[in-house]
Amino acid sequence: MTEQDVTRLLAKIPLLKQEIGKVIVGQHEVLEEVLVALLAGGHALLEGVPGLAKTLLVRTLAQAMDLPFRRIQFTPDLMPTDILGTEILEEDHGTGHRSFKFNPGPIFASLVLADEINRTPPKTQAALLEAMQEGHVTYAGQEHALPKPFFLLATQNPIEQSGTYPLPEAQLDRFLLYVRIGYPTEQEELAVLSGTTGTSRQQVQPILGGEEVRQLQLLTRQVSISAELMGLVNRLVRATRPATSEVPFIREYGRWGAGPRAGQALILCAKARALLHGRFAATLEDVQALAPAVLRHRVLLNFNAEAENLTPDDAVAALLKAVRL
């Protein structure tokens, strides 16, 4: 890409945020983390109580991007074939020859919303593993490539237990970021009430297309990061492992630590955040800002931590305080 191409692409990022802001009030950090996952080429899990516009955020993002979009509502009776697709028997009316043809499911889209992903059993959740990691689906021994870019956004409700199936750790690790959505401020909530109970509706215009997203993903990997900062990320991830960690919090409360994929995720996300802010070099601030979303679903705490109401976010805070440049 030429310098003009890079400038043109970067100029579209504020426009994308502006279009999404027509519908989504506040949630600036959440939107930034979702865009970070998109530029880094990963997937994101959004967690929040009902009514915080998780689904609306994803729908608005799809409207602001000229990408094929599909929504999958996860329910207890959903089957893997409802996601991946199935083979159908077709007959050639000219020759009478019959053959099986693969009929793609809703996973074959560039932007896929897996709504309430924890409402379906692990058997169906596992249908997403290959698609999320490899970018293709295998059915009846044949590989079927997914569109590029492929971006999966999943939502889940943290407070409901009845009829839900917690995501296994292997599936959680496939998500680049675990994004938590909190309640809006008083002014933001007032703006939501006034903007959604009238007759006017905002129209969101597409800003980015599939090719531009791929170019931004390539550009993200070209953002520089210093050897010292990469070493910090490495030490930070290694410090999450109780057997070898020198951080007292992890030694006392840790049950399992993050693998090398966490370090890869944190570096890519730091690069993506730098690009979102118009920089071509990742900084310590980028790493610190994204460490909770990268590590909170990759650090498992023991029963002592649960008894004391400690969370993975507390562990990440202790790690950032102990591990420094």
Protein backbone atom coordinates (compact mmCIF):
# COMPACT_ATOMS: atom_id res chain seq x y z
CA MET A 1 0.00 0.00 0.00
CA THR A 2 1.13 3.53 -0.74
CA GLU A 3 1.24 6.25 1.89
CA GLN A 4 -1.94 7.71 0.40
CA ASP A 5 -3.71 4.36 0.75
CA VAL A 6 -2.69 4.14 4.41
CA THR A 7 -3.84 7.70 5.10
CA ARG A 8 -7.16 7.04 3.37
CA LEU A 9 -7.76 3.86 5.37
CA LEU A 10 -6.89 5.43 8.71
CA ALA A 11 -9.19 8.36 7.95
CA LYS A 12 -12.12 5.93 7.73
CA ILE A 13 -11.74 4.67 11.31
CA PRO A 14 -13.11 7.86 12.96
CA LEU A 15 -15.92 7.84 10.39
CA LEU A 16 -16.74 4.24 11.33
CA LYS A 17 -16.90 5.16 15.03
CA GLN A 18 -19.06 8.16 14.16
CA GLU A 19 -21.57 6.04 12.24
CA ILE A 20 -21.82 3.50 15.06
CA GLY A 21 -22.19 6.40 17.54
CA LYS A 22 -25.40 7.40 15.78
CA VAL A 23 -27.08 4.38 17.37
CA ILE A 24 -24.83 3.31 20.26
CA VAL A 25 -24.61 5.85 23.08
CA GLY A 26 -21.38 5.75 25.07
CA GLN A 27 -19.65 2.34 25.35
CA HIS A 28 -16.49 3.89 23.88
CA GLU A 29 -14.12 1.37 25.48
CA VAL A 30 -16.32 -1.55 24.42
CA LEU A 31 -16.44 -0.31 20.83
CA GLU A 32 -12.69 0.22 20.80
CA GLU A 33 -12.04 -3.33 22.04
CA VAL A 34 -14.41 -4.76 19.40
CA LEU A 35 -12.59 -2.82 16.66
CA VAL A 36 -9.25 -3.96 18.10
CA ALA A 37 -10.36 -7.59 17.76
CA LEU A 38 -11.49 -6.92 14.18
CA LEU A 39 -8.19 -5.28 13.14
CA ALA A 40 -6.17 -7.98 14.91
CA GLY A 41 -8.04 -10.67 12.98
CA GLY A 42 -9.54 -12.36 16.03
CA HIS A 43 -12.94 -12.91 17.62
CA ALA A 44 -14.60 -11.29 20.63
CA LEU A 45 -16.93 -12.46 23.40
CA LEU A 46 -19.23 -9.73 24.78
CA GLU A 47 -20.62 -10.23 28.28
CA GLY A 48 -23.23 -8.04 29.92
CA VAL A 49 -26.61 -8.11 31.60
CA PRO A 50 -29.72 -7.89 29.41
CA GLY A 51 -30.58 -4.57 27.84
CA LEU A 52 -27.06 -3.15 27.38
CA ALA A 53 -27.28 -3.20 23.56
CA LYS A 54 -24.84 -6.05 22.96
CA THR A 55 -26.79 -7.35 19.97
CA LEU A 56 -27.54 -3.82 18.76
CA LEU A 57 -23.83 -3.00 18.84
CA VAL A 58 -23.00 -5.93 16.58
CA ARG A 59 -25.89 -5.17 14.21
CA THR A 60 -24.83 -1.53 13.97
CA LEU A 61 -21.23 -2.57 13.30
CA ALA A 62 -22.50 -4.80 10.50
CA GLN A 63 -24.48 -1.89 9.01
CA ALA A 64 -21.43 0.39 9.17
CA MET A 65 -19.36 -2.20 7.28
CA ASP A 66 -20.18 -3.52 3.83
CA LEU A 67 -19.79 -7.16 4.89
CA PRO A 68 -22.11 -10.20 4.67
CA PHE A 69 -23.76 -10.49 8.10
CA ARG A 70 -25.61 -13.38 9.74
CA ARG A 71 -27.11 -13.76 13.19
CA ILE A 72 -27.39 -17.12 14.94
CA GLN A 73 -29.68 -17.32 17.97
CA PHE A 74 -28.23 -20.03 20.21
CA THR A 75 -30.86 -22.18 21.94
CA PRO A 76 -30.69 -25.54 23.79
CA ASP A 77 -32.05 -27.42 20.75
CA LEU A 78 -29.63 -25.89 18.23
CA MET A 79 -27.63 -28.53 16.33
CA PRO A 80 -24.15 -28.23 14.75
CA THR A 81 -25.67 -28.54 11.26
CA ASP A 82 -27.85 -25.50 12.02
CA ILE A 83 -24.59 -23.52 12.18
CA LEU A 84 -22.26 -25.21 9.70
CA GLY A 85 -24.72 -26.39 7.07
CA THR A 86 -25.63 -29.80 5.68
CA GLU A 87 -25.60 -31.86 2.51
CA ILE A 88 -28.72 -32.10 0.38
CA LEU A 89 -29.50 -34.62 -2.36
CA GLU A 90 -29.87 -32.97 -5.75
CA GLU A 91 -31.07 -34.52 -9.00
CA ASP A 92 -30.03 -33.37 -12.47
CA HIS A 93 -33.33 -33.31 -14.35
CA GLY A 94 -31.51 -33.68 -17.67
CA THR A 95 -29.54 -36.82 -16.85
CA GLY A 96 -31.37 -38.09 -13.78
CA HIS A 97 -28.03 -38.23 -11.96
CA ARG A 98 -28.22 -37.67 -8.20
CA SER A 99 -25.47 -36.20 -6.06
CA PHE A 100 -24.99 -34.61 -2.68
CA LYS A 101 -24.37 -30.87 -2.53
CA PHE A 102 -23.17 -28.96 0.53
CA ASN A 103 -25.64 -26.28 1.60
CA PRO A 104 -23.67 -23.70 3.66
CA GLY A 105 -25.05 -22.62 7.03
CA PRO A 106 -25.09 -19.15 8.61
CA ILE A 107 -21.44 -19.46 9.69
CA PHE A 108 -20.50 -18.65 6.08
CA ALA A 109 -20.53 -14.87 6.48
CA SER A 110 -17.83 -12.31 7.12
CA LEU A 111 -19.47 -10.98 10.28
CA VAL A 112 -21.32 -13.53 12.41
CA LEU A 113 -23.24 -12.79 15.61
CA ALA A 114 -23.48 -15.79 17.94
CA ASP A 115 -26.22 -14.47 20.20
CA GLU A 116 -26.36 -15.92 23.74
CA ILE A 117 -23.72 -18.51 22.91
CA ASN A 118 -23.90 -20.11 26.36
CA ARG A 119 -27.52 -21.21 25.85
CA THR A 120 -26.53 -24.18 23.69
CA PRO A 121 -24.85 -27.44 24.81
CA PRO A 122 -21.07 -27.98 24.36
CA LYS A 123 -21.72 -30.28 21.39
CA THR A 124 -23.06 -27.34 19.40
CA GLN A 125 -20.59 -24.84 20.85
CA ALA A 126 -17.77 -27.08 19.60
CA ALA A 127 -19.04 -26.68 16.04
CA LEU A 128 -17.47 -23.21 16.11
CA LEU A 129 -13.97 -24.32 17.16
CA GLU A 130 -12.61 -25.19 13.72
CA ALA A 131 -14.21 -22.17 12.08
CA MET A 132 -12.77 -19.79 14.68
CA GLN A 133 -9.26 -21.20 14.62
CA GLU A 134 -8.73 -22.44 11.07
CA GLY A 135 -11.04 -20.25 9.01
CA HIS A 136 -12.75 -23.21 7.35
CA VAL A 137 -15.34 -25.90 8.08
CA THR A 138 -14.93 -29.62 7.50
CA TYR A 139 -18.07 -31.55 6.54
CA ALA A 140 -18.12 -35.15 5.26
CA GLY A 141 -14.34 -35.04 4.89
CA GLN A 142 -14.36 -31.92 2.70
CA GLU A 143 -12.97 -28.54 3.72
CA HIS A 144 -15.11 -25.49 2.96
CA ALA A 145 -13.35 -22.13 3.29
CA LEU A 146 -15.05 -19.31 5.15
CA PRO A 147 -15.16 -15.78 3.72
CA LYS A 148 -12.27 -13.44 4.42
CA PRO A 149 -12.36 -11.52 6.62
CA PHE A 150 -14.21 -13.76 9.08
CA PHE A 151 -15.17 -12.15 12.38
CA LEU A 152 -17.25 -13.88 15.08
CA LEU A 153 -18.84 -11.82 17.83
CA ALA A 154 -20.53 -13.81 20.58
CA THR A 155 -22.71 -12.52 23.43
CA GLN A 156 -23.57 -14.05 26.77
CA ASN A 157 -25.48 -13.13 29.90
CA PRO A 158 -23.42 -13.39 33.13
CA ILE A 159 -26.29 -13.58 35.62
CA GLU A 160 -28.51 -16.39 34.32
CA GLN A 161 -27.69 -19.96 35.31
CA SER A 162 -30.83 -21.90 34.38
CA GLY A 163 -30.63 -23.32 30.87
CA THR A 164 -27.08 -22.16 30.24
CA TYR A 165 -23.90 -24.11 29.47
CA PRO A 166 -20.64 -22.39 30.48
CA LEU A 167 -18.12 -22.23 27.65
CA PRO A 168 -15.22 -24.68 28.11
CA GLU A 169 -11.75 -23.20 28.51
CA ALA A 170 -10.64 -24.46 25.07
CA GLN A 171 -13.46 -22.51 23.46
CA LEU A 172 -12.84 -19.40 25.54
CA ASP A 173 -9.21 -19.43 24.44
CA ARG A 174 -10.35 -19.12 20.82
CA PHE A 175 -11.69 -15.66 21.61
CA LEU A 176 -9.05 -13.00 21.19
CA LEU A 177 -10.84 -10.68 23.65
CA TYR A 178 -13.35 -11.15 26.46
CA VAL A 179 -15.17 -7.80 26.60
CA ARG A 180 -17.26 -6.87 29.61
CA ILE A 181 -20.05 -4.32 29.16
CA GLY A 182 -21.12 -2.26 32.17
CA TYR A 183 -24.09 -0.01 32.86
CA PRO A 184 -24.16 3.40 31.16
CA THR A 185 -23.63 6.65 33.03
CA GLU A 186 -26.63 8.74 34.06
CA GLN A 187 -26.23 11.12 31.10
CA GLU A 188 -25.71 8.26 28.64
CA GLU A 189 -28.80 6.45 29.90
CA LEU A 190 -30.83 9.67 29.59
CA ALA A 191 -29.62 10.01 25.99
CA VAL A 192 -30.68 6.42 25.30
CA LEU A 193 -34.15 7.06 26.70
CA SER A 194 -34.67 10.24 24.69
CA GLY A 195 -33.25 8.78 21.48
CA THR A 196 -35.12 5.47 21.42
CA THR A 197 -38.63 6.38 22.52
CA GLY A 198 -39.46 8.83 19.74
CA THR A 199 -40.28 8.46 16.07
CA SER A 200 -36.89 9.30 14.51
CA ARG A 201 -34.45 6.53 13.59
CA GLN A 202 -30.82 7.00 12.67
CA GLN A 203 -29.63 5.60 9.36
CA VAL A 204 -26.16 4.02 9.46
CA GLN A 205 -24.10 4.25 6.27
CA PRO A 206 -21.46 1.64 5.31
CA ILE A 207 -17.93 2.96 5.73
CA LEU A 208 -15.59 -0.03 5.32
CA GLY A 209 -15.70 -2.93 2.90
CA GLY A 210 -14.18 -6.40 3.09
CA GLU A 211 -11.04 -5.54 1.11
CA GLU A 212 -10.41 -2.48 3.27
CA VAL A 213 -10.77 -4.56 6.44
CA ARG A 214 -8.20 -7.04 5.09
CA GLN A 215 -5.83 -4.17 4.31
CA LEU A 216 -6.23 -2.79 7.82
CA GLN A 217 -5.51 -6.25 9.26
CA LEU A 218 -2.31 -6.44 7.21
CA LEU A 219 -1.39 -2.92 8.27
CA THR A 220 -1.93 -3.86 11.92
CA ARG A 221 0.74 -6.54 11.72
CA GLN A 222 3.19 -3.98 10.32
CA VAL A 223 2.86 -1.75 13.41
CA SER A 224 6.16 -1.89 15.29
CA ILE A 225 6.65 -2.99 18.88
CA SER A 226 9.92 -2.68 20.78
CA ALA A 227 11.89 -5.67 22.00
CA GLU A 228 11.52 -4.39 25.57
CA LEU A 229 7.75 -4.24 25.28
CA MET A 230 7.61 -7.69 23.70
CA GLY A 231 9.70 -8.98 26.58
CA LEU A 232 7.25 -7.42 29.05
CA VAL A 233 4.33 -9.19 27.35
CA ASN A 234 6.24 -12.47 27.52
CA ARG A 235 7.00 -12.04 31.24
CA LEU A 236 3.42 -10.96 31.92
CA VAL A 237 1.97 -14.09 30.33
CA ARG A 238 4.50 -16.40 31.98
CA ALA A 239 3.71 -14.82 35.36
CA THR A 240 0.10 -16.07 35.08
CA ARG A 241 1.27 -19.68 35.60
CA PRO A 242 1.14 -20.61 39.31
CA ALA A 243 3.90 -23.24 39.13
CA THR A 244 6.57 -20.78 38.00
CA SER A 245 5.09 -17.34 38.82
CA GLU A 246 6.84 -14.96 41.21
CA VAL A 247 3.67 -12.91 41.74
CA PRO A 248 2.26 -13.69 45.24
CA PHE A 249 -1.36 -13.28 44.13
CA ILE A 250 -0.95 -15.90 41.38
CA ARG A 251 0.95 -18.35 43.62
CA GLU A 252 -1.80 -18.15 46.23
CA TYR A 253 -4.93 -17.95 44.11
CA GLY A 254 -4.01 -19.15 40.64
CA ARG A 255 -5.15 -22.55 39.37
CA TRP A 256 -4.11 -22.35 35.73
CA GLY A 257 -2.28 -19.77 33.63
CA ALA A 258 -2.35 -18.51 30.08
CA GLY A 259 -0.58 -20.18 27.17
CA PRO A 260 1.54 -18.65 24.39
CA ARG A 261 -1.62 -17.72 22.46
CA ALA A 262 -2.27 -15.05 25.12
CA GLY A 263 1.06 -13.38 24.36
CA GLN A 264 0.32 -13.41 20.64
CA ALA A 265 -3.12 -11.94 21.31
CA LEU A 266 -1.80 -9.16 23.55
CA ILE A 267 0.86 -8.08 21.06
CA LEU A 268 -1.56 -8.05 18.13
CA CYS A 269 -4.18 -6.18 20.15
CA ALA A 270 -1.64 -3.60 21.30
CA LYS A 271 -0.68 -3.05 17.65
CA ALA A 272 -4.34 -2.73 16.64
CA ARG A 273 -5.04 -0.20 19.41
CA ALA A 274 -2.02 1.84 18.35
CA LEU A 275 -3.36 1.90 14.78
CA LEU A 276 -6.81 2.96 15.99
CA HIS A 277 -5.14 5.91 17.70
CA GLY A 278 -3.19 6.81 14.56
CA ARG A 279 0.16 5.49 15.74
CA PHE A 280 2.52 3.06 14.02
CA ALA A 281 4.22 1.86 17.20
CA ALA A 282 2.65 0.06 20.16
CA THR A 283 3.23 1.52 23.61
CA LEU A 284 3.07 0.38 27.21
CA GLU A 285 -0.32 2.10 27.50
CA ASP A 286 -1.69 -0.13 24.70
CA VAL A 287 -0.55 -3.27 26.51
CA GLN A 288 -1.93 -2.16 29.87
CA ALA A 289 -5.26 -1.10 28.38
CA LEU A 290 -5.90 -4.46 26.70
CA ALA A 291 -4.35 -6.86 29.23
CA PRO A 292 -7.65 -7.40 31.13
CA ALA A 293 -9.66 -8.23 27.98
CA VAL A 294 -6.91 -10.58 26.74
CA LEU A 295 -6.18 -12.38 30.01
CA ARG A 296 -9.43 -12.47 32.04
CA HIS A 297 -10.69 -15.62 30.28
CA ARG A 298 -7.27 -17.28 30.19
CA VAL A 299 -6.43 -17.07 33.92
CA LEU A 300 -8.27 -19.56 36.13
CA LEU A 301 -8.43 -18.99 39.89
CA ASN A 302 -8.82 -21.61 42.63
CA PHE A 303 -11.54 -22.10 45.21
CA ASN A 304 -9.79 -19.86 47.75
CA ALA A 305 -10.12 -16.95 45.33
CA GLU A 306 -13.82 -17.70 44.81
CA ALA A 307 -14.36 -17.83 48.57
CA GLU A 308 -12.81 -14.36 48.90
CA ASN A 309 -14.77 -12.99 45.90
CA LEU A 310 -11.62 -12.40 43.88
CA THR A 311 -11.89 -12.29 40.10
CA PRO A 312 -9.52 -12.75 37.15
CA ASP A 313 -9.54 -8.94 36.78
CA ASP A 314 -8.02 -8.74 40.27
CA ALA A 315 -5.34 -11.18 39.10
CA VAL A 316 -4.59 -9.07 36.01
CA ALA A 317 -4.33 -5.93 38.16
CA ALA A 318 -1.83 -7.70 40.45
CA LEU A 319 0.15 -8.89 37.42
CA LEU A 320 0.36 -5.41 35.89
CA LYS A 321 1.52 -4.02 39.22
CA ALA A 322 4.19 -6.68 39.70
CA VAL A 323 5.52 -7.08 36.15
CA ARG A 324 7.07 -3.88 34.81
CA LEU A 325 9.41 -2.74 32.06
